[in-house]
């Protein structure tokens, strides 16, 4: 259905759709002053997870 690897949004509903439809999401809080740091941390975690799964 969708052809992307990651969706960054501030809607929790998008996170639920990601789970249902099989795409990664990063959901940020619109009030979070440090939202960019959250995105970077989650991107690094996704990259590590992807590298580990390729080794198995």
C-alpha atoms as a PDB file:
ATOM      1  CA  UNK A   1       0.000   0.000   0.000  1.00  0.00           C
ATOM      2  CA  UNK A   2       2.572   2.542   1.120  1.00  0.00           C
ATOM      3  CA  UNK A   3       6.085   2.573  -0.278  1.00  0.00           C
ATOM      4  CA  UNK A   4       8.169   4.261   2.401  1.00  0.00           C
ATOM      5  CA  UNK A   5      10.378   3.076   5.221  1.00  0.00           C
ATOM      6  CA  UNK A   6       9.658   5.690   7.878  1.00  0.00           C
ATOM      7  CA  UNK A   7       6.963   8.223   8.705  1.00  0.00           C
ATOM      8  CA  UNK A   8       7.639  10.992  11.241  1.00  0.00           C
ATOM      9  CA  UNK A   9       4.509  12.625  12.630  1.00  0.00           C
ATOM     10  CA  UNK A  10       2.870  14.082  15.723  1.00  0.00           C
ATOM     11  CA  UNK A  11      -0.253  11.924  15.453  1.00  0.00           C
ATOM     12  CA  UNK A  12      -0.511   8.795  17.580  1.00  0.00           C
ATOM     13  CA  UNK A  13      -2.976   7.487  14.991  1.00  0.00           C
ATOM     14  CA  UNK A  14      -0.198   7.413  12.410  1.00  0.00           C
ATOM     15  CA  UNK A  15       1.805   5.265  14.829  1.00  0.00           C
ATOM     16  CA  UNK A  16      -1.060   2.809  15.031  1.00  0.00           C
ATOM     17  CA  UNK A  17      -1.378   2.739  11.242  1.00  0.00           C
ATOM     18  CA  UNK A  18       2.336   2.022  11.018  1.00  0.00           C
ATOM     19  CA  UNK A  19       1.907  -1.006  13.256  1.00  0.00           C
ATOM     20  CA  UNK A  20      -1.118  -2.240  11.300  1.00  0.00           C
ATOM     21  CA  UNK A  21       0.372  -1.617   7.853  1.00  0.00           C
ATOM     22  CA  UNK A  22       3.983  -2.524   8.564  1.00  0.00           C
ATOM     23  CA  UNK A  23       5.959   0.709   8.339  1.00  0.00           C
ATOM     24  CA  UNK A  24       8.195   2.369  10.906  1.00  0.00           C
ATOM     25  CA  UNK A  25       7.040   5.520  12.620  1.00  0.00           C
ATOM     26  CA  UNK A  26       8.528   8.090  14.929  1.00  0.00           C
ATOM     27  CA  UNK A  27       5.841   9.972  16.796  1.00  0.00           C
ATOM     28  CA  UNK A  28       6.879  13.283  18.315  1.00  0.00           C
ATOM     29  CA  UNK A  29       5.000  15.398  20.811  1.00  0.00           C
ATOM     30  CA  UNK A  30       4.224  18.845  19.403  1.00  0.00           C
ATOM     31  CA  UNK A  31       5.095  20.319  22.818  1.00  0.00           C
ATOM     32  CA  UNK A  32       8.507  18.615  22.989  1.00  0.00           C
ATOM     33  CA  UNK A  33      11.250  21.229  22.719  1.00  0.00           C
ATOM     34  CA  UNK A  34      13.753  18.426  22.042  1.00  0.00           C
ATOM     35  CA  UNK A  35      11.862  16.629  19.277  1.00  0.00           C
ATOM     36  CA  UNK A  36      14.846  16.681  16.930  1.00  0.00           C
ATOM     37  CA  UNK A  37      16.946  14.782  19.469  1.00  0.00           C
ATOM     38  CA  UNK A  38      14.182  12.189  19.809  1.00  0.00           C
ATOM     39  CA  UNK A  39      14.146  11.691  16.049  1.00  0.00           C
ATOM     40  CA  UNK A  40      17.939  11.259  15.898  1.00  0.00           C
ATOM     41  CA  UNK A  41      17.920   8.755  18.785  1.00  0.00           C
ATOM     42  CA  UNK A  42      15.151   6.709  17.198  1.00  0.00           C
ATOM     43  CA  UNK A  43      16.824   6.811  13.774  1.00  0.00           C
ATOM     44  CA  UNK A  44      20.025   5.456  15.320  1.00  0.00           C
ATOM     45  CA  UNK A  45      18.047   2.734  17.121  1.00  0.00           C
ATOM     46  CA  UNK A  46      16.316   1.750  13.864  1.00  0.00           C
ATOM     47  CA  UNK A  47      19.671   1.621  12.070  1.00  0.00           C
ATOM     48  CA  UNK A  48      21.160  -0.616  14.772  1.00  0.00           C
ATOM     49  CA  UNK A  49      18.084  -2.861  14.728  1.00  0.00           C
ATOM     50  CA  UNK A  50      18.314  -3.141  10.947  1.00  0.00           C
ATOM     51  CA  UNK A  51      22.026  -3.999  11.059  1.00  0.00           C
ATOM     52  CA  UNK A  52      21.494  -6.665  13.723  1.00  0.00           C
ATOM     53  CA  UNK A  53      18.643  -8.283  11.795  1.00  0.00           C
ATOM     54  CA  UNK A  54      20.825  -8.469   8.676  1.00  0.00           C
ATOM     55  CA  UNK A  55      23.505 -10.356  10.640  1.00  0.00           C
ATOM     56  CA  UNK A  56      21.072 -13.075  11.721  1.00  0.00           C
END
